[in-house]
């Protein structure tokens, strides 16, 4: 008798309003599925807003017409494009985003990988979206736990070096003005404050370079919570070295995304 197939623990239909039978739910990591099943799920909010728009793709012009809470109103250099969504790195059909795994190894090395909420991939553009609802922007856990190999090292010659400051990898300083390398005794460094956004930017730059696409980095937050993100976002954006990329940074309200007209009827 053949072994019994393990049943996929799909999100509750109470959380997923449409598309709960899509193949993507057969391949998503358990940590993503667990969030989708939680009552205050940011992942479920992202899916429920974007899935109806992506039938099968989303025109970039439709998104750029949304008035950002922060960002350049008009981007004349952005090419017309149809964007295919990849939720947490997977298409609705369950396919892994091309070159993403190679990029994550290049940027993050071994261990925990950067997880981007949403990639929107076109023939000319790639948009990385960090979506927040109740939670805040991610900080560096090692620094918070006094385990930063740069600042909290016990000797002058640490056995471990922070990968994101290592010139042999893809360091933060390639694309961000983070100042000199952190040293013992230093106050809170910008790499702690902007850890999540900085890693997302590194992944985006590496992916866009490999695929020869124009990179955009967007933050989506509730309109009523923008003030709680604004100070950190402004500081992060001021540190972006590439002026053209700076113009393609954008903060959008969930409420405005919700008002966009859906594509063809959902496939449920």
C-alpha atoms as a PDB file:
ATOM      1  CA  UNK A   1       0.000   0.000   0.000  1.00  0.00           C
ATOM      2  CA  UNK A   2       1.407   3.410  -0.937  1.00  0.00           C
ATOM      3  CA  UNK A   3       2.098   5.834   1.921  1.00  0.00           C
ATOM      4  CA  UNK A   4      -0.761   8.150   2.767  1.00  0.00           C
ATOM      5  CA  UNK A   5      -0.274  11.682   1.459  1.00  0.00           C
ATOM      6  CA  UNK A   6       0.100  14.285   4.148  1.00  0.00           C
ATOM      7  CA  UNK A   7      -2.797  16.686   3.980  1.00  0.00           C
ATOM      8  CA  UNK A   8      -1.877  20.300   3.387  1.00  0.00           C
ATOM      9  CA  UNK A   9      -3.064  22.503   6.254  1.00  0.00           C
ATOM     10  CA  UNK A  10      -4.697  25.186   4.173  1.00  0.00           C
ATOM     11  CA  UNK A  11      -5.741  28.541   5.609  1.00  0.00           C
ATOM     12  CA  UNK A  12      -9.289  28.822   6.863  1.00  0.00           C
ATOM     13  CA  UNK A  13     -11.818  30.153   4.317  1.00  0.00           C
ATOM     14  CA  UNK A  14     -12.706  32.641   7.046  1.00  0.00           C
ATOM     15  CA  UNK A  15      -9.300  34.265   6.465  1.00  0.00           C
ATOM     16  CA  UNK A  16      -8.982  33.725   2.695  1.00  0.00           C
ATOM     17  CA  UNK A  17     -11.946  35.356   0.988  1.00  0.00           C
ATOM     18  CA  UNK A  18     -11.226  33.978  -2.490  1.00  0.00           C
ATOM     19  CA  UNK A  19      -8.711  31.703  -4.149  1.00  0.00           C
ATOM     20  CA  UNK A  20      -8.227  29.307  -1.227  1.00  0.00           C
ATOM     21  CA  UNK A  21      -8.022  26.342  -3.639  1.00  0.00           C
ATOM     22  CA  UNK A  22      -5.162  27.797  -5.686  1.00  0.00           C
ATOM     23  CA  UNK A  23      -2.030  25.606  -6.078  1.00  0.00           C
ATOM     24  CA  UNK A  24       0.119  28.107  -4.180  1.00  0.00           C
ATOM     25  CA  UNK A  25      -1.298  26.800  -0.907  1.00  0.00           C
ATOM     26  CA  UNK A  26       0.268  23.405  -1.619  1.00  0.00           C
ATOM     27  CA  UNK A  27       3.802  24.838  -1.652  1.00  0.00           C
ATOM     28  CA  UNK A  28       3.882  27.751   0.814  1.00  0.00           C
ATOM     29  CA  UNK A  29       6.177  27.270   3.851  1.00  0.00           C
ATOM     30  CA  UNK A  30       4.427  26.365   7.095  1.00  0.00           C
ATOM     31  CA  UNK A  31       5.401  29.685   8.725  1.00  0.00           C
ATOM     32  CA  UNK A  32       3.471  31.558   5.997  1.00  0.00           C
ATOM     33  CA  UNK A  33       0.473  29.218   6.296  1.00  0.00           C
ATOM     34  CA  UNK A  34       0.491  29.611  10.075  1.00  0.00           C
ATOM     35  CA  UNK A  35       0.267  33.395   9.713  1.00  0.00           C
ATOM     36  CA  UNK A  36      -2.540  33.009   7.163  1.00  0.00           C
ATOM     37  CA  UNK A  37      -4.501  31.018   9.739  1.00  0.00           C
ATOM     38  CA  UNK A  38      -4.088  33.581  12.534  1.00  0.00           C
ATOM     39  CA  UNK A  39      -6.926  36.016  13.370  1.00  0.00           C
ATOM     40  CA  UNK A  40      -4.848  39.183  12.777  1.00  0.00           C
ATOM     41  CA  UNK A  41      -3.007  37.892   9.706  1.00  0.00           C
ATOM     42  CA  UNK A  42      -1.097  40.447   7.633  1.00  0.00           C
ATOM     43  CA  UNK A  43      -0.529  37.715   5.042  1.00  0.00           C
ATOM     44  CA  UNK A  44      -4.264  37.116   4.666  1.00  0.00           C
ATOM     45  CA  UNK A  45      -4.866  40.845   4.206  1.00  0.00           C
ATOM     46  CA  UNK A  46      -2.214  40.956   1.491  1.00  0.00           C
ATOM     47  CA  UNK A  47      -3.697  37.961  -0.333  1.00  0.00           C
ATOM     48  CA  UNK A  48      -7.290  39.177  -0.068  1.00  0.00           C
ATOM     49  CA  UNK A  49      -6.433  42.586  -1.533  1.00  0.00           C
ATOM     50  CA  UNK A  50      -4.000  41.566  -4.270  1.00  0.00           C
ATOM     51  CA  UNK A  51      -5.430  38.244  -5.475  1.00  0.00           C
ATOM     52  CA  UNK A  52      -8.629  39.746  -7.004  1.00  0.00           C
ATOM     53  CA  UNK A  53      -6.504  42.344  -8.826  1.00  0.00           C
ATOM     54  CA  UNK A  54      -4.180  39.734 -10.332  1.00  0.00           C
ATOM     55  CA  UNK A  55      -6.433  38.053 -12.870  1.00  0.00           C
ATOM     56  CA  UNK A  56      -4.000  37.134 -14.207  1.00  0.00           C
ATOM     57  CA  UNK A  57      -1.746  40.215 -13.933  1.00  0.00           C
ATOM     58  CA  UNK A  58      -1.771  43.779 -12.624  1.00  0.00           C
ATOM     59  CA  UNK A  59      -0.935  46.707 -14.882  1.00  0.00           C
ATOM     60  CA  UNK A  60       1.783  48.822 -13.287  1.00  0.00           C
ATOM     61  CA  UNK A  61       0.028  52.005 -14.430  1.00  0.00           C
ATOM     62  CA  UNK A  62      -3.013  51.098 -12.326  1.00  0.00           C
ATOM     63  CA  UNK A  63      -0.798  50.906  -9.233  1.00  0.00           C
ATOM     64  CA  UNK A  64       1.209  54.032 -10.022  1.00  0.00           C
ATOM     65  CA  UNK A  65      -2.001  56.043 -10.324  1.00  0.00           C
ATOM     66  CA  UNK A  66      -2.606  55.517  -6.615  1.00  0.00           C
ATOM     67  CA  UNK A  67      -1.571  58.697  -4.832  1.00  0.00           C
ATOM     68  CA  UNK A  68       1.250  57.645  -2.497  1.00  0.00           C
ATOM     69  CA  UNK A  69       1.428  58.778   1.098  1.00  0.00           C
ATOM     70  CA  UNK A  70       5.126  59.209   0.362  1.00  0.00           C
ATOM     71  CA  UNK A  71       6.877  59.072  -3.004  1.00  0.00           C
ATOM     72  CA  UNK A  72       7.206  60.638  -6.421  1.00  0.00           C
ATOM     73  CA  UNK A  73       3.797  61.243  -8.005  1.00  0.00           C
ATOM     74  CA  UNK A  74       4.885  60.693 -11.600  1.00  0.00           C
ATOM     75  CA  UNK A  75       7.557  58.323 -12.885  1.00  0.00           C
ATOM     76  CA  UNK A  76       7.881  59.111 -16.600  1.00  0.00           C
ATOM     77  CA  UNK A  77      10.844  56.736 -16.955  1.00  0.00           C
ATOM     78  CA  UNK A  78       8.813  53.697 -15.812  1.00  0.00           C
ATOM     79  CA  UNK A  79       7.904  51.364 -18.670  1.00  0.00           C
ATOM     80  CA  UNK A  80       4.361  50.142 -19.266  1.00  0.00           C
ATOM     81  CA  UNK A  81       4.159  46.601 -17.906  1.00  0.00           C
ATOM     82  CA  UNK A  82       1.887  43.757 -16.835  1.00  0.00           C
ATOM     83  CA  UNK A  83       3.002  42.503 -13.425  1.00  0.00           C
ATOM     84  CA  UNK A  84       2.607  38.919 -12.267  1.00  0.00           C
ATOM     85  CA  UNK A  85       2.332  38.544  -8.482  1.00  0.00           C
ATOM     86  CA  UNK A  86       4.536  36.180  -6.509  1.00  0.00           C
ATOM     87  CA  UNK A  87       3.260  35.936  -2.940  1.00  0.00           C
ATOM     88  CA  UNK A  88       6.170  35.167  -0.572  1.00  0.00           C
ATOM     89  CA  UNK A  89       8.149  34.094  -3.663  1.00  0.00           C
ATOM     90  CA  UNK A  90       5.480  31.854  -5.255  1.00  0.00           C
ATOM     91  CA  UNK A  91       3.057  32.474  -8.101  1.00  0.00           C
ATOM     92  CA  UNK A  92      -0.643  31.762  -7.694  1.00  0.00           C
ATOM     93  CA  UNK A  93       0.003  28.547  -9.665  1.00  0.00           C
ATOM     94  CA  UNK A  94       2.645  27.485  -7.159  1.00  0.00           C
ATOM     95  CA  UNK A  95       5.759  28.233  -9.232  1.00  0.00           C
ATOM     96  CA  UNK A  96       8.869  29.611  -7.530  1.00  0.00           C
ATOM     97  CA  UNK A  97      10.058  33.021  -8.726  1.00  0.00           C
ATOM     98  CA  UNK A  98      12.881  32.646 -11.234  1.00  0.00           C
ATOM     99  CA  UNK A  99      16.388  33.174  -9.772  1.00  0.00           C
ATOM    100  CA  UNK A 100      15.038  34.014  -6.303  1.00  0.00           C
ATOM    101  CA  UNK A 101      16.704  31.109  -4.506  1.00  0.00           C
ATOM    102  CA  UNK A 102      20.068  31.924  -6.076  1.00  0.00           C
ATOM    103  CA  UNK A 103      19.638  35.570  -5.050  1.00  0.00           C
ATOM    104  CA  UNK A 104      18.806  34.617  -1.452  1.00  0.00           C
ATOM    105  CA  UNK A 105      21.930  32.484  -1.212  1.00  0.00           C
ATOM    106  CA  UNK A 106      23.990  35.341  -2.658  1.00  0.00           C
ATOM    107  CA  UNK A 107      22.563  37.934  -0.269  1.00  0.00           C
ATOM    108  CA  UNK A 108      21.897  35.926   2.902  1.00  0.00           C
ATOM    109  CA  UNK A 109      24.275  32.992   2.637  1.00  0.00           C
ATOM    110  CA  UNK A 110      23.426  29.955   4.792  1.00  0.00           C
ATOM    111  CA  UNK A 111      20.748  30.171   7.448  1.00  0.00           C
ATOM    112  CA  UNK A 112      17.543  32.185   7.584  1.00  0.00           C
ATOM    113  CA  UNK A 113      16.622  33.872   4.303  1.00  0.00           C
ATOM    114  CA  UNK A 114      15.030  37.260   3.693  1.00  0.00           C
ATOM    115  CA  UNK A 115      11.285  36.830   3.190  1.00  0.00           C
ATOM    116  CA  UNK A 116       9.617  39.419   0.968  1.00  0.00           C
ATOM    117  CA  UNK A 117       5.824  39.633   1.200  1.00  0.00           C
ATOM    118  CA  UNK A 118       5.131  40.256  -2.466  1.00  0.00           C
ATOM    119  CA  UNK A 119       7.060  40.414  -5.725  1.00  0.00           C
ATOM    120  CA  UNK A 120       5.372  41.924  -8.789  1.00  0.00           C
ATOM    121  CA  UNK A 121       7.285  40.739 -11.831  1.00  0.00           C
ATOM    122  CA  UNK A 122       6.946  42.174 -15.324  1.00  0.00           C
ATOM    123  CA  UNK A 123       8.980  42.150 -18.506  1.00  0.00           C
ATOM    124  CA  UNK A 124      10.581  45.491 -17.616  1.00  0.00           C
ATOM    125  CA  UNK A 125       9.953  46.075 -13.922  1.00  0.00           C
ATOM    126  CA  UNK A 126      10.102  44.198 -10.637  1.00  0.00           C
ATOM    127  CA  UNK A 127       8.368  45.609  -7.556  1.00  0.00           C
ATOM    128  CA  UNK A 128       9.183  44.364  -4.055  1.00  0.00           C
ATOM    129  CA  UNK A 129       6.386  45.070  -1.572  1.00  0.00           C
ATOM    130  CA  UNK A 130       6.728  45.051   2.203  1.00  0.00           C
ATOM    131  CA  UNK A 131       3.229  44.912   3.691  1.00  0.00           C
ATOM    132  CA  UNK A 132       2.463  45.903   7.279  1.00  0.00           C
ATOM    133  CA  UNK A 133      -0.826  45.977   9.159  1.00  0.00           C
ATOM    134  CA  UNK A 134      -0.464  45.621  12.929  1.00  0.00           C
ATOM    135  CA  UNK A 135       3.255  44.845  13.082  1.00  0.00           C
ATOM    136  CA  UNK A 136       6.193  47.171  12.583  1.00  0.00           C
ATOM    137  CA  UNK A 137       9.342  47.105  10.479  1.00  0.00           C
ATOM    138  CA  UNK A 138      11.770  44.337  11.390  1.00  0.00           C
ATOM    139  CA  UNK A 139      14.887  45.115  13.442  1.00  0.00           C
ATOM    140  CA  UNK A 140      18.054  43.035  13.824  1.00  0.00           C
ATOM    141  CA  UNK A 141      17.341  40.302  16.384  1.00  0.00           C
ATOM    142  CA  UNK A 142      21.005  39.592  17.018  1.00  0.00           C
ATOM    143  CA  UNK A 143      21.635  43.207  17.987  1.00  0.00           C
ATOM    144  CA  UNK A 144      18.529  43.241  20.197  1.00  0.00           C
ATOM    145  CA  UNK A 145      19.790  40.071  21.940  1.00  0.00           C
ATOM    146  CA  UNK A 146      23.299  41.553  22.391  1.00  0.00           C
ATOM    147  CA  UNK A 147      24.768  39.071  19.899  1.00  0.00           C
ATOM    148  CA  UNK A 148      25.838  41.483  17.137  1.00  0.00           C
ATOM    149  CA  UNK A 149      29.235  40.188  15.926  1.00  0.00           C
ATOM    150  CA  UNK A 150      30.346  43.747  15.159  1.00  0.00           C
ATOM    151  CA  UNK A 151      29.313  45.525  18.371  1.00  0.00           C
ATOM    152  CA  UNK A 152      28.984  42.844  21.038  1.00  0.00           C
ATOM    153  CA  UNK A 153      32.093  40.825  20.208  1.00  0.00           C
ATOM    154  CA  UNK A 154      34.265  39.760  23.120  1.00  0.00           C
ATOM    155  CA  UNK A 155      37.601  40.011  21.316  1.00  0.00           C
ATOM    156  CA  UNK A 156      39.266  42.239  18.738  1.00  0.00           C
ATOM    157  CA  UNK A 157      39.242  39.377  16.212  1.00  0.00           C
ATOM    158  CA  UNK A 158      35.708  37.965  16.096  1.00  0.00           C
ATOM    159  CA  UNK A 159      35.202  34.434  14.812  1.00  0.00           C
ATOM    160  CA  UNK A 160      31.967  35.551  13.199  1.00  0.00           C
ATOM    161  CA  UNK A 161      31.469  38.533  10.908  1.00  0.00           C
ATOM    162  CA  UNK A 162      28.087  40.046  10.066  1.00  0.00           C
ATOM    163  CA  UNK A 163      27.399  38.986   6.502  1.00  0.00           C
ATOM    164  CA  UNK A 164      25.773  42.292   5.623  1.00  0.00           C
ATOM    165  CA  UNK A 165      28.979  44.154   6.458  1.00  0.00           C
ATOM    166  CA  UNK A 166      31.218  41.610   4.735  1.00  0.00           C
ATOM    167  CA  UNK A 167      32.737  42.991   1.539  1.00  0.00           C
ATOM    168  CA  UNK A 168      32.957  39.477   0.078  1.00  0.00           C
ATOM    169  CA  UNK A 169      29.156  39.126   0.184  1.00  0.00           C
ATOM    170  CA  UNK A 170      26.563  41.780  -0.736  1.00  0.00           C
ATOM    171  CA  UNK A 171      27.089  44.396   1.989  1.00  0.00           C
ATOM    172  CA  UNK A 172      24.579  47.014   3.075  1.00  0.00           C
ATOM    173  CA  UNK A 173      27.030  49.730   2.074  1.00  0.00           C
ATOM    174  CA  UNK A 174      26.785  48.732  -1.598  1.00  0.00           C
ATOM    175  CA  UNK A 175      23.469  50.549  -1.863  1.00  0.00           C
ATOM    176  CA  UNK A 176      22.870  52.296   1.479  1.00  0.00           C
ATOM    177  CA  UNK A 177      24.664  55.109   3.287  1.00  0.00           C
ATOM    178  CA  UNK A 178      25.040  53.394   6.652  1.00  0.00           C
ATOM    179  CA  UNK A 179      28.287  55.096   7.641  1.00  0.00           C
ATOM    180  CA  UNK A 180      31.383  53.279   8.924  1.00  0.00           C
ATOM    181  CA  UNK A 181      31.295  49.682  10.068  1.00  0.00           C
ATOM    182  CA  UNK A 182      29.815  49.353  13.590  1.00  0.00           C
ATOM    183  CA  UNK A 183      32.275  48.946  16.440  1.00  0.00           C
ATOM    184  CA  UNK A 184      32.042  47.842  20.093  1.00  0.00           C
ATOM    185  CA  UNK A 185      30.493  50.500  22.304  1.00  0.00           C
ATOM    186  CA  UNK A 186      28.663  52.185  19.432  1.00  0.00           C
ATOM    187  CA  UNK A 187      25.113  53.462  19.878  1.00  0.00           C
ATOM    188  CA  UNK A 188      22.254  51.865  17.960  1.00  0.00           C
ATOM    189  CA  UNK A 189      23.517  51.495  14.369  1.00  0.00           C
ATOM    190  CA  UNK A 190      21.305  52.147  11.321  1.00  0.00           C
ATOM    191  CA  UNK A 191      21.673  48.500  10.245  1.00  0.00           C
ATOM    192  CA  UNK A 192      19.660  47.507  13.341  1.00  0.00           C
ATOM    193  CA  UNK A 193      16.974  50.106  12.775  1.00  0.00           C
ATOM    194  CA  UNK A 194      16.570  49.349   9.056  1.00  0.00           C
ATOM    195  CA  UNK A 195      17.415  45.639   9.065  1.00  0.00           C
ATOM    196  CA  UNK A 196      14.303  44.381   7.258  1.00  0.00           C
ATOM    197  CA  UNK A 197      14.102  47.107   4.641  1.00  0.00           C
ATOM    198  CA  UNK A 198      17.853  46.969   4.005  1.00  0.00           C
ATOM    199  CA  UNK A 199      17.811  43.203   3.411  1.00  0.00           C
ATOM    200  CA  UNK A 200      14.773  43.582   1.161  1.00  0.00           C
ATOM    201  CA  UNK A 201      16.592  46.218  -0.881  1.00  0.00           C
ATOM    202  CA  UNK A 202      19.656  43.949  -1.266  1.00  0.00           C
ATOM    203  CA  UNK A 203      17.441  41.106  -2.499  1.00  0.00           C
ATOM    204  CA  UNK A 204      15.673  43.463  -4.908  1.00  0.00           C
ATOM    205  CA  UNK A 205      18.889  44.865  -6.345  1.00  0.00           C
ATOM    206  CA  UNK A 206      20.390  41.425  -6.859  1.00  0.00           C
ATOM    207  CA  UNK A 207      17.195  40.078  -8.442  1.00  0.00           C
ATOM    208  CA  UNK A 208      16.715  43.106 -10.703  1.00  0.00           C
ATOM    209  CA  UNK A 209      20.343  42.888 -11.845  1.00  0.00           C
ATOM    210  CA  UNK A 210      20.052  39.190 -12.685  1.00  0.00           C
ATOM    211  CA  UNK A 211      16.787  39.636 -14.572  1.00  0.00           C
ATOM    212  CA  UNK A 212      17.767  43.009 -16.085  1.00  0.00           C
ATOM    213  CA  UNK A 213      14.702  44.765 -14.717  1.00  0.00           C
ATOM    214  CA  UNK A 214      13.962  48.163 -13.204  1.00  0.00           C
ATOM    215  CA  UNK A 215      13.600  47.885  -9.427  1.00  0.00           C
ATOM    216  CA  UNK A 216      10.846  49.438  -7.308  1.00  0.00           C
ATOM    217  CA  UNK A 217      10.538  49.101  -3.503  1.00  0.00           C
ATOM    218  CA  UNK A 218       7.164  49.836  -1.911  1.00  0.00           C
ATOM    219  CA  UNK A 219       5.788  49.849   1.615  1.00  0.00           C
ATOM    220  CA  UNK A 220       2.042  49.279   2.106  1.00  0.00           C
ATOM    221  CA  UNK A 221       0.578  50.313   5.487  1.00  0.00           C
ATOM    222  CA  UNK A 222      -2.790  51.394   6.900  1.00  0.00           C
ATOM    223  CA  UNK A 223      -3.352  55.097   6.400  1.00  0.00           C
ATOM    224  CA  UNK A 224      -3.957  55.617  10.109  1.00  0.00           C
ATOM    225  CA  UNK A 225      -0.590  54.052  11.001  1.00  0.00           C
ATOM    226  CA  UNK A 226       1.597  55.924   8.513  1.00  0.00           C
ATOM    227  CA  UNK A 227       2.834  58.356  11.186  1.00  0.00           C
ATOM    228  CA  UNK A 228       4.241  55.457  13.200  1.00  0.00           C
ATOM    229  CA  UNK A 229       6.333  54.379  10.169  1.00  0.00           C
ATOM    230  CA  UNK A 230       7.175  57.790   8.744  1.00  0.00           C
ATOM    231  CA  UNK A 231      10.281  58.637  10.780  1.00  0.00           C
ATOM    232  CA  UNK A 232      11.958  55.294  10.065  1.00  0.00           C
ATOM    233  CA  UNK A 233      10.960  55.346   6.392  1.00  0.00           C
ATOM    234  CA  UNK A 234      12.296  58.864   5.857  1.00  0.00           C
ATOM    235  CA  UNK A 235      15.587  57.957   7.492  1.00  0.00           C
ATOM    236  CA  UNK A 236      15.879  54.776   5.405  1.00  0.00           C
ATOM    237  CA  UNK A 237      14.993  56.475   2.126  1.00  0.00           C
ATOM    238  CA  UNK A 238      17.543  59.250   2.762  1.00  0.00           C
ATOM    239  CA  UNK A 239      20.227  56.560   2.961  1.00  0.00           C
ATOM    240  CA  UNK A 240      19.509  55.042  -0.481  1.00  0.00           C
ATOM    241  CA  UNK A 241      22.531  55.828  -2.652  1.00  0.00           C
ATOM    242  CA  UNK A 242      20.917  55.452  -6.094  1.00  0.00           C
ATOM    243  CA  UNK A 243      18.899  58.585  -6.929  1.00  0.00           C
ATOM    244  CA  UNK A 244      16.870  56.783  -9.594  1.00  0.00           C
ATOM    245  CA  UNK A 245      15.945  54.006  -7.177  1.00  0.00           C
ATOM    246  CA  UNK A 246      15.064  56.644  -4.548  1.00  0.00           C
ATOM    247  CA  UNK A 247      12.476  58.011  -6.979  1.00  0.00           C
ATOM    248  CA  UNK A 248      10.960  54.546  -7.265  1.00  0.00           C
ATOM    249  CA  UNK A 249      10.478  54.131  -3.510  1.00  0.00           C
ATOM    250  CA  UNK A 250       6.833  54.483  -2.543  1.00  0.00           C
ATOM    251  CA  UNK A 251       4.486  54.197   0.457  1.00  0.00           C
ATOM    252  CA  UNK A 252       0.874  53.257  -0.326  1.00  0.00           C
ATOM    253  CA  UNK A 253      -2.201  52.964   1.897  1.00  0.00           C
ATOM    254  CA  UNK A 254      -4.033  49.641   2.160  1.00  0.00           C
ATOM    255  CA  UNK A 255      -7.276  51.585   1.842  1.00  0.00           C
ATOM    256  CA  UNK A 256      -6.297  52.884  -1.616  1.00  0.00           C
ATOM    257  CA  UNK A 257      -5.343  49.406  -2.832  1.00  0.00           C
ATOM    258  CA  UNK A 258      -8.734  48.155  -1.667  1.00  0.00           C
ATOM    259  CA  UNK A 259     -10.467  50.717  -3.895  1.00  0.00           C
ATOM    260  CA  UNK A 260      -8.842  49.448  -7.081  1.00  0.00           C
ATOM    261  CA  UNK A 261     -11.213  47.640  -9.470  1.00  0.00           C
ATOM    262  CA  UNK A 262     -10.711  43.876  -9.664  1.00  0.00           C
ATOM    263  CA  UNK A 263      -9.695  42.069 -12.820  1.00  0.00           C
ATOM    264  CA  UNK A 264     -11.792  39.288 -14.291  1.00  0.00           C
ATOM    265  CA  UNK A 265     -14.002  37.381 -11.824  1.00  0.00           C
ATOM    266  CA  UNK A 266     -12.102  35.347  -9.229  1.00  0.00           C
ATOM    267  CA  UNK A 267     -11.415  31.718 -10.004  1.00  0.00           C
ATOM    268  CA  UNK A 268     -13.165  30.257  -6.945  1.00  0.00           C
END
